[in-house]
Amino acid sequence: MPIRRTARFDKAYIALPPSIRAKVDRAIRLLDENWRHPGLRARRLSGHRDIFYARVDRNHRITYERRGDTLILRNVGRHDETLKNP
């Protein structure tokens, strides 16, 4: 499945510490292999039809959008901040 990144995602990704970026990279690999992988705990974001979030670790989430067969990575960061502004 093709994966695209928004400029906002790239900016947020670069601001993360290297240890968290490694976890984000792992989550992106899992999304690429199977966006429904149980380890991601992926869920639809309440109030948004096509926006989902996936777990990076206990405190960090990735938000993404499904458009056809493409996943668009929208945002990444701390749980509450990321889900408030997907």
PDB file of N, CA and C in Angstrom:
ATOM      1  N   MET A   1       0.841  -1.170   0.000  1.00  0.00           N
ATOM      2  CA  MET A   1       0.000   0.000   0.000  1.00  0.00           C
ATOM      3  C   MET A   1       0.894   1.243   0.000  1.00  0.00           C
ATOM      4  N   PRO A   2       0.696   2.147  -0.935  1.00  0.00           N
ATOM      5  CA  PRO A   2       1.512   3.367  -0.961  1.00  0.00           C
ATOM      6  C   PRO A   2       1.256   4.230   0.280  1.00  0.00           C
ATOM      7  N   ILE A   3       2.322   4.825   0.783  1.00  0.00           N
ATOM      8  CA  ILE A   3       2.221   5.716   1.937  1.00  0.00           C
ATOM      9  C   ILE A   3       2.817   7.062   1.561  1.00  0.00           C
ATOM     10  N   ARG A   4       2.047   8.118   1.807  1.00  0.00           N
ATOM     11  CA  ARG A   4       2.519   9.484   1.588  1.00  0.00           C
ATOM     12  C   ARG A   4       2.577  10.199   2.927  1.00  0.00           C
ATOM     13  N   ARG A   5       3.443  11.189   3.007  1.00  0.00           N
ATOM     14  CA  ARG A   5       3.585  11.981   4.231  1.00  0.00           C
ATOM     15  C   ARG A   5       3.239  13.430   3.921  1.00  0.00           C
ATOM     16  N   THR A   6       2.496  14.061   4.815  1.00  0.00           N
ATOM     17  CA  THR A   6       2.239  15.487   4.661  1.00  0.00           C
ATOM     18  C   THR A   6       3.449  16.258   5.188  1.00  0.00           C
ATOM     19  N   ALA A   7       3.538  17.524   4.801  1.00  0.00           N
ATOM     20  CA  ALA A   7       4.621  18.373   5.300  1.00  0.00           C
ATOM     21  C   ALA A   7       4.526  18.509   6.820  1.00  0.00           C
ATOM     22  N   ARG A   8       3.315  18.579   7.334  1.00  0.00           N
ATOM     23  CA  ARG A   8       3.129  18.686   8.784  1.00  0.00           C
ATOM     24  C   ARG A   8       3.652  17.436   9.493  1.00  0.00           C
ATOM     25  N   PHE A   9       3.389  16.263   8.915  1.00  0.00           N
ATOM     26  CA  PHE A   9       3.901  15.026   9.501  1.00  0.00           C
ATOM     27  C   PHE A   9       5.425  15.064   9.530  1.00  0.00           C
ATOM     28  N   ASP A  10       6.043  15.437   8.402  1.00  0.00           N
ATOM     29  CA  ASP A  10       7.510  15.478   8.344  1.00  0.00           C
ATOM     30  C   ASP A  10       8.091  16.432   9.381  1.00  0.00           C
ATOM     31  N   LYS A  11       7.464  17.595   9.543  1.00  0.00           N
ATOM     32  CA  LYS A  11       7.952  18.578  10.518  1.00  0.00           C
ATOM     33  C   LYS A  11       7.842  18.027  11.942  1.00  0.00           C
ATOM     34  N   ALA A  12       6.705  17.409  12.261  1.00  0.00           N
ATOM     35  CA  ALA A  12       6.511  16.834  13.597  1.00  0.00           C
ATOM     36  C   ALA A  12       7.465  15.662  13.829  1.00  0.00           C
ATOM     37  N   TYR A  13       7.691  14.856  12.794  1.00  0.00           N
ATOM     38  CA  TYR A  13       8.586  13.697  12.888  1.00  0.00           C
ATOM     39  C   TYR A  13      10.011  14.146  13.209  1.00  0.00           C
ATOM     40  N   ILE A  14      10.484  15.162  12.517  1.00  0.00           N
ATOM     41  CA  ILE A  14      11.850  15.658  12.718  1.00  0.00           C
ATOM     42  C   ILE A  14      12.035  16.199  14.135  1.00  0.00           C
ATOM     43  N   ALA A  15      10.974  16.750  14.720  1.00  0.00           N
ATOM     44  CA  ALA A  15      11.060  17.324  16.065  1.00  0.00           C
ATOM     45  C   ALA A  15      11.098  16.262  17.168  1.00  0.00           C
ATOM     46  N   LEU A  16      10.800  15.020  16.835  1.00  0.00           N
ATOM     47  CA  LEU A  16      10.790  13.948  17.837  1.00  0.00           C
ATOM     48  C   LEU A  16      12.210  13.507  18.185  1.00  0.00           C
ATOM     49  N   PRO A  17      12.418  13.021  19.400  1.00  0.00           N
ATOM     50  CA  PRO A  17      13.721  12.461  19.757  1.00  0.00           C
ATOM     51  C   PRO A  17      14.006  11.209  18.916  1.00  0.00           C
ATOM     52  N   PRO A  18      15.278  10.901  18.683  1.00  0.00           N
ATOM     53  CA  PRO A  18      15.629   9.734  17.858  1.00  0.00           C
ATOM     54  C   PRO A  18      15.000   8.426  18.334  1.00  0.00           C
ATOM     55  N   SER A  19      14.884   8.230  19.633  1.00  0.00           N
ATOM     56  CA  SER A  19      14.300   6.972  20.126  1.00  0.00           C
ATOM     57  C   SER A  19      12.827   6.850  19.739  1.00  0.00           C
ATOM     58  N   ILE A  20      12.106   7.951  19.731  1.00  0.00           N
ATOM     59  CA  ILE A  20      10.690   7.932  19.336  1.00  0.00           C
ATOM     60  C   ILE A  20      10.581   7.801  17.824  1.00  0.00           C
ATOM     61  N   ARG A  21      11.489   8.452  17.089  1.00  0.00           N
ATOM     62  CA  ARG A  21      11.468   8.314  15.616  1.00  0.00           C
ATOM     63  C   ARG A  21      11.638   6.858  15.213  1.00  0.00           C
ATOM     64  N   ALA A  22      12.481   6.115  15.933  1.00  0.00           N
ATOM     65  CA  ALA A  22      12.660   4.688  15.626  1.00  0.00           C
ATOM     66  C   ALA A  22      11.349   3.929  15.835  1.00  0.00           C
ATOM     67  N   LYS A  23      10.615   4.267  16.883  1.00  0.00           N
ATOM     68  CA  LYS A  23       9.317   3.627  17.121  1.00  0.00           C
ATOM     69  C   LYS A  23       8.303   4.018  16.048  1.00  0.00           C
ATOM     70  N   VAL A  24       8.355   5.272  15.614  1.00  0.00           N
ATOM     71  CA  VAL A  24       7.462   5.728  14.539  1.00  0.00           C
ATOM     72  C   VAL A  24       7.774   4.960  13.263  1.00  0.00           C
ATOM     73  N   ASP A  25       9.056   4.784  12.956  1.00  0.00           N
ATOM     74  CA  ASP A  25       9.445   4.025  11.760  1.00  0.00           C
ATOM     75  C   ASP A  25       8.898   2.606  11.815  1.00  0.00           C
ATOM     76  N   ARG A  26       8.945   1.993  12.990  1.00  0.00           N
ATOM     77  CA  ARG A  26       8.405   0.639  13.151  1.00  0.00           C
ATOM     78  C   ARG A  26       6.896   0.638  12.906  1.00  0.00           C
ATOM     79  N   ALA A  27       6.199   1.626  13.465  1.00  0.00           N
ATOM     80  CA  ALA A  27       4.746   1.713  13.275  1.00  0.00           C
ATOM     81  C   ALA A  27       4.398   1.926  11.801  1.00  0.00           C
ATOM     82  N   ILE A  28       5.195   2.718  11.100  1.00  0.00           N
ATOM     83  CA  ILE A  28       4.947   2.946   9.671  1.00  0.00           C
ATOM     84  C   ILE A  28       5.151   1.651   8.893  1.00  0.00           C
ATOM     85  N   ARG A  29       6.172   0.880   9.249  1.00  0.00           N
ATOM     86  CA  ARG A  29       6.372  -0.418   8.587  1.00  0.00           C
ATOM     87  C   ARG A  29       5.168  -1.331   8.805  1.00  0.00           C
ATOM     88  N   LEU A  30       4.652  -1.348  10.032  1.00  0.00           N
ATOM     89  CA  LEU A  30       3.468  -2.161  10.314  1.00  0.00           C
ATOM     90  C   LEU A  30       2.259  -1.664   9.524  1.00  0.00           C
ATOM     91  N   LEU A  31       2.094  -0.357   9.433  1.00  0.00           N
ATOM     92  CA  LEU A  31       1.000   0.200   8.631  1.00  0.00           C
ATOM     93  C   LEU A  31       1.123  -0.235   7.182  1.00  0.00           C
ATOM     94  N   ASP A  32       2.340  -0.229   6.678  1.00  0.00           N
ATOM     95  CA  ASP A  32       2.576  -0.617   5.290  1.00  0.00           C
ATOM     96  C   ASP A  32       2.246  -2.092   5.064  1.00  0.00           C
ATOM     97  N   GLU A  33       2.602  -2.932   6.023  1.00  0.00           N
ATOM     98  CA  GLU A  33       2.349  -4.369   5.896  1.00  0.00           C
ATOM     99  C   GLU A  33       0.874  -4.704   6.097  1.00  0.00           C
ATOM    100  N   ASN A  34       0.257  -4.090   7.110  1.00  0.00           N
ATOM    101  CA  ASN A  34      -1.134  -4.400   7.446  1.00  0.00           C
ATOM    102  C   ASN A  34      -1.661  -3.293   8.348  1.00  0.00           C
ATOM    103  N   TRP A  35      -2.409  -2.361   7.785  1.00  0.00           N
ATOM    104  CA  TRP A  35      -2.871  -1.212   8.569  1.00  0.00           C
ATOM    105  C   TRP A  35      -3.804  -1.622   9.705  1.00  0.00           C
ATOM    106  N   ARG A  36      -4.231  -2.880   9.737  1.00  0.00           N
ATOM    107  CA  ARG A  36      -5.068  -3.382  10.828  1.00  0.00           C
ATOM    108  C   ARG A  36      -4.272  -4.228  11.830  1.00  0.00           C
ATOM    109  N   HIS A  37      -2.963  -4.182  11.774  1.00  0.00           N
ATOM    110  CA  HIS A  37      -2.116  -4.963  12.676  1.00  0.00           C
ATOM    111  C   HIS A  37      -2.513  -4.673  14.128  1.00  0.00           C
ATOM    112  N   PRO A  38      -2.739  -5.710  14.937  1.00  0.00           N
ATOM    113  CA  PRO A  38      -3.200  -5.499  16.313  1.00  0.00           C
ATOM    114  C   PRO A  38      -2.247  -4.669  17.171  1.00  0.00           C
ATOM    115  N   GLY A  39      -0.956  -4.724  16.892  1.00  0.00           N
ATOM    116  CA  GLY A  39       0.011  -3.957  17.669  1.00  0.00           C
ATOM    117  C   GLY A  39      -0.141  -2.458  17.504  1.00  0.00           C
ATOM    118  N   LEU A  40      -0.775  -2.034  16.424  1.00  0.00           N
ATOM    119  CA  LEU A  40      -0.976  -0.607  16.186  1.00  0.00           C
ATOM    120  C   LEU A  40      -2.173  -0.054  16.955  1.00  0.00           C
ATOM    121  N   ARG A  41      -3.081  -0.936  17.314  1.00  0.00           N
ATOM    122  CA  ARG A  41      -4.329  -0.524  17.975  1.00  0.00           C
ATOM    123  C   ARG A  41      -4.993   0.611  17.207  1.00  0.00           C
ATOM    124  N   ALA A  42      -5.063   0.463  15.904  1.00  0.00           N
ATOM    125  CA  ALA A  42      -5.613   1.502  15.031  1.00  0.00           C
ATOM    126  C   ALA A  42      -7.111   1.663  15.267  1.00  0.00           C
ATOM    127  N   ARG A  43      -7.542   2.908  15.285  1.00  0.00           N
ATOM    128  CA  ARG A  43      -8.948   3.246  15.492  1.00  0.00           C
ATOM    129  C   ARG A  43      -9.317   4.430  14.612  1.00  0.00           C
ATOM    130  N   ARG A  44     -10.590   4.505  14.276  1.00  0.00           N
ATOM    131  CA  ARG A  44     -11.104   5.679  13.564  1.00  0.00           C
ATOM    132  C   ARG A  44     -11.194   6.823  14.576  1.00  0.00           C
ATOM    133  N   LEU A  45     -10.790   8.009  14.144  1.00  0.00           N
ATOM    134  CA  LEU A  45     -10.851   9.175  15.016  1.00  0.00           C
ATOM    135  C   LEU A  45     -12.291   9.666  15.083  1.00  0.00           C
ATOM    136  N   SER A  46     -12.803   9.800  16.270  1.00  0.00           N
ATOM    137  CA  SER A  46     -14.190  10.210  16.476  1.00  0.00           C
ATOM    138  C   SER A  46     -14.473  11.533  15.762  1.00  0.00           C
ATOM    139  N   GLY A  47     -15.563  11.548  15.006  1.00  0.00           N
ATOM    140  CA  GLY A  47     -15.958  12.754  14.289  1.00  0.00           C
ATOM    141  C   GLY A  47     -15.307  12.918  12.930  1.00  0.00           C
ATOM    142  N   HIS A  48     -14.479  11.959  12.532  1.00  0.00           N
ATOM    143  CA  HIS A  48     -13.795  12.029  11.243  1.00  0.00           C
ATOM    144  C   HIS A  48     -14.006  10.710  10.507  1.00  0.00           C
ATOM    145  N   ARG A  49     -14.565  10.785   9.336  1.00  0.00           N
ATOM    146  CA  ARG A  49     -14.903   9.573   8.599  1.00  0.00           C
ATOM    147  C   ARG A  49     -13.674   8.809   8.100  1.00  0.00           C
ATOM    148  N   ASP A  50     -12.690   9.526   7.575  1.00  0.00           N
ATOM    149  CA  ASP A  50     -11.552   8.875   6.926  1.00  0.00           C
ATOM    150  C   ASP A  50     -10.234   9.034   7.670  1.00  0.00           C
ATOM    151  N   ILE A  51     -10.251   9.576   8.879  1.00  0.00           N
ATOM    152  CA  ILE A  51      -9.014   9.787   9.626  1.00  0.00           C
ATOM    153  C   ILE A  51      -8.938   8.766  10.757  1.00  0.00           C
ATOM    154  N   PHE A  52      -7.774   8.138  10.855  1.00  0.00           N
ATOM    155  CA  PHE A  52      -7.532   7.100  11.844  1.00  0.00           C
ATOM    156  C   PHE A  52      -6.303   7.471  12.660  1.00  0.00           C
ATOM    157  N   TYR A  53      -6.126   6.795  13.772  1.00  0.00           N
ATOM    158  CA  TYR A  53      -4.885   6.954  14.525  1.00  0.00           C
ATOM    159  C   TYR A  53      -4.357   5.583  14.903  1.00  0.00           C
ATOM    160  N   ALA A  54      -3.046   5.527  15.067  1.00  0.00           N
ATOM    161  CA  ALA A  54      -2.376   4.286  15.436  1.00  0.00           C
ATOM    162  C   ALA A  54      -1.404   4.584  16.569  1.00  0.00           C
ATOM    163  N   ARG A  55      -1.192   3.596  17.379  1.00  0.00           N
ATOM    164  CA  ARG A  55      -0.327   3.725  18.544  1.00  0.00           C
ATOM    165  C   ARG A  55       1.137   3.536  18.143  1.00  0.00           C
ATOM    166  N   VAL A  56       1.979   4.462  18.572  1.00  0.00           N
ATOM    167  CA  VAL A  56       3.428   4.333  18.403  1.00  0.00           C
ATOM    168  C   VAL A  56       4.010   3.720  19.674  1.00  0.00           C
ATOM    169  N   ASP A  57       3.645   4.288  20.800  1.00  0.00           N
ATOM    170  CA  ASP A  57       3.975   3.751  22.118  1.00  0.00           C
ATOM    171  C   ASP A  57       2.917   4.267  23.087  1.00  0.00           C
ATOM    172  N   ARG A  58       3.181   4.158  24.347  1.00  0.00           N
ATOM    173  CA  ARG A  58       2.169   4.544  25.333  1.00  0.00           C
ATOM    174  C   ARG A  58       1.741   6.009  25.206  1.00  0.00           C
ATOM    175  N   ASN A  59       2.657   6.875  24.804  1.00  0.00           N
ATOM    176  CA  ASN A  59       2.386   8.315  24.795  1.00  0.00           C
ATOM    177  C   ASN A  59       2.296   8.957  23.420  1.00  0.00           C
ATOM    178  N   HIS A  60       2.585   8.234  22.358  1.00  0.00           N
ATOM    179  CA  HIS A  60       2.660   8.836  21.027  1.00  0.00           C
ATOM    180  C   HIS A  60       1.725   8.140  20.048  1.00  0.00           C
ATOM    181  N   ARG A  61       1.167   8.954  19.132  1.00  0.00           N
ATOM    182  CA  ARG A  61       0.242   8.444  18.126  1.00  0.00           C
ATOM    183  C   ARG A  61       0.592   9.016  16.760  1.00  0.00           C
ATOM    184  N   ILE A  62       0.194   8.268  15.735  1.00  0.00           N
ATOM    185  CA  ILE A  62       0.251   8.722  14.345  1.00  0.00           C
ATOM    186  C   ILE A  62      -1.192   8.875  13.891  1.00  0.00           C
ATOM    187  N   THR A  63      -1.496   9.972  13.211  1.00  0.00           N
ATOM    188  CA  THR A  63      -2.801  10.066  12.561  1.00  0.00           C
ATOM    189  C   THR A  63      -2.581   9.909  11.066  1.00  0.00           C
ATOM    190  N   TYR A  64      -3.540   9.258  10.433  1.00  0.00           N
ATOM    191  CA  TYR A  64      -3.421   9.019   8.994  1.00  0.00           C
ATOM    192  C   TYR A  64      -4.800   8.971   8.367  1.00  0.00           C
ATOM    193  N   GLU A  65      -4.801   9.141   7.066  1.00  0.00           N
ATOM    194  CA  GLU A  65      -6.029   9.145   6.286  1.00  0.00           C
ATOM    195  C   GLU A  65      -5.929   8.074   5.221  1.00  0.00           C
ATOM    196  N   ARG A  66      -7.017   7.394   4.995  1.00  0.00           N
ATOM    197  CA  ARG A  66      -7.061   6.395   3.917  1.00  0.00           C
ATOM    198  C   ARG A  66      -7.792   7.005   2.730  1.00  0.00           C
ATOM    199  N   ARG A  67      -7.104   7.071   1.599  1.00  0.00           N
ATOM    200  CA  ARG A  67      -7.714   7.530   0.347  1.00  0.00           C
ATOM    201  C   ARG A  67      -7.486   6.445  -0.686  1.00  0.00           C
ATOM    202  N   GLY A  68      -8.536   5.707  -0.981  1.00  0.00           N
ATOM    203  CA  GLY A  68      -8.387   4.584  -1.898  1.00  0.00           C
ATOM    204  C   GLY A  68      -7.422   3.580  -1.306  1.00  0.00           C
ATOM    205  N   ASP A  69      -6.380   3.272  -2.058  1.00  0.00           N
ATOM    206  CA  ASP A  69      -5.383   2.316  -1.563  1.00  0.00           C
ATOM    207  C   ASP A  69      -4.143   3.009  -1.005  1.00  0.00           C
ATOM    208  N   THR A  70      -4.233   4.320  -0.738  1.00  0.00           N
ATOM    209  CA  THR A  70      -3.095   5.090  -0.238  1.00  0.00           C
ATOM    210  C   THR A  70      -3.335   5.520   1.206  1.00  0.00           C
ATOM    211  N   LEU A  71      -2.294   5.422   2.026  1.00  0.00           N
ATOM    212  CA  LEU A  71      -2.336   5.961   3.382  1.00  0.00           C
ATOM    213  C   LEU A  71      -1.575   7.283   3.386  1.00  0.00           C
ATOM    214  N   ILE A  72      -2.186   8.300   3.937  1.00  0.00           N
ATOM    215  CA  ILE A  72      -1.553   9.614   4.032  1.00  0.00           C
ATOM    216  C   ILE A  72      -1.279   9.888   5.506  1.00  0.00           C
ATOM    217  N   LEU A  73      -0.008   9.939   5.870  1.00  0.00           N
ATOM    218  CA  LEU A  73       0.388  10.220   7.250  1.00  0.00           C
ATOM    219  C   LEU A  73       0.193  11.710   7.500  1.00  0.00           C
ATOM    220  N   ARG A  74      -0.643  12.048   8.472  1.00  0.00           N
ATOM    221  CA  ARG A  74      -1.044  13.438   8.701  1.00  0.00           C
ATOM    222  C   ARG A  74      -0.287  14.115   9.835  1.00  0.00           C
ATOM    223  N   ASN A  75      -0.117  13.402  10.951  1.00  0.00           N
ATOM    224  CA  ASN A  75       0.507  14.017  12.116  1.00  0.00           C
ATOM    225  C   ASN A  75       1.101  12.927  13.004  1.00  0.00           C
ATOM    226  N   VAL A  76       2.036  13.303  13.834  1.00  0.00           N
ATOM    227  CA  VAL A  76       2.648  12.380  14.788  1.00  0.00           C
ATOM    228  C   VAL A  76       3.075  13.191  15.999  1.00  0.00           C
ATOM    229  N   GLY A  77       2.929  12.593  17.172  1.00  0.00           N
ATOM    230  CA  GLY A  77       3.361  13.286  18.380  1.00  0.00           C
ATOM    231  C   GLY A  77       2.700  12.712  19.609  1.00  0.00           C
ATOM    232  N   ARG A  78       2.741  13.497  20.686  1.00  0.00           N
ATOM    233  CA  ARG A  78       2.155  13.056  21.949  1.00  0.00           C
ATOM    234  C   ARG A  78       0.656  12.847  21.787  1.00  0.00           C
ATOM    235  N   HIS A  79       0.154  11.880  22.483  1.00  0.00           N
ATOM    236  CA  HIS A  79      -1.221  11.393  22.344  1.00  0.00           C
ATOM    237  C   HIS A  79      -2.265  12.510  22.250  1.00  0.00           C
ATOM    238  N   ASP A  80      -2.427  13.301  23.300  1.00  0.00           N
ATOM    239  CA  ASP A  80      -3.501  14.293  23.337  1.00  0.00           C
ATOM    240  C   ASP A  80      -3.335  15.374  22.282  1.00  0.00           C
ATOM    241  N   GLU A  81      -2.130  15.889  22.123  1.00  0.00           N
ATOM    242  CA  GLU A  81      -1.885  16.961  21.162  1.00  0.00           C
ATOM    243  C   GLU A  81      -2.160  16.499  19.736  1.00  0.00           C
ATOM    244  N   THR A  82      -1.741  15.303  19.416  1.00  0.00           N
ATOM    245  CA  THR A  82      -1.897  14.779  18.060  1.00  0.00           C
ATOM    246  C   THR A  82      -3.356  14.504  17.739  1.00  0.00           C
ATOM    247  N   LEU A  83      -4.092  13.956  18.673  1.00  0.00           N
ATOM    248  CA  LEU A  83      -5.487  13.627  18.404  1.00  0.00           C
ATOM    249  C   LEU A  83      -6.388  14.858  18.400  1.00  0.00           C
ATOM    250  N   LYS A  84      -5.982  15.937  19.057  1.00  0.00           N
ATOM    251  CA  LYS A  84      -6.754  17.185  19.009  1.00  0.00           C
ATOM    252  C   LYS A  84      -6.611  17.872  17.661  1.00  0.00           C
ATOM    253  N   ASN A  85      -5.485  17.662  16.994  1.00  0.00           N
ATOM    254  CA  ASN A  85      -5.211  18.311  15.710  1.00  0.00           C
ATOM    255  C   ASN A  85      -4.695  17.258  14.735  1.00  0.00           C
ATOM    256  N   PRO A  86      -5.609  16.400  14.250  1.00  0.00           N
ATOM    257  CA  PRO A  86      -5.170  15.259  13.434  1.00  0.00           C
ATOM    258  C   PRO A  86      -4.629  15.690  12.096  1.00  0.00           C
TER     259      PRO A  86
END
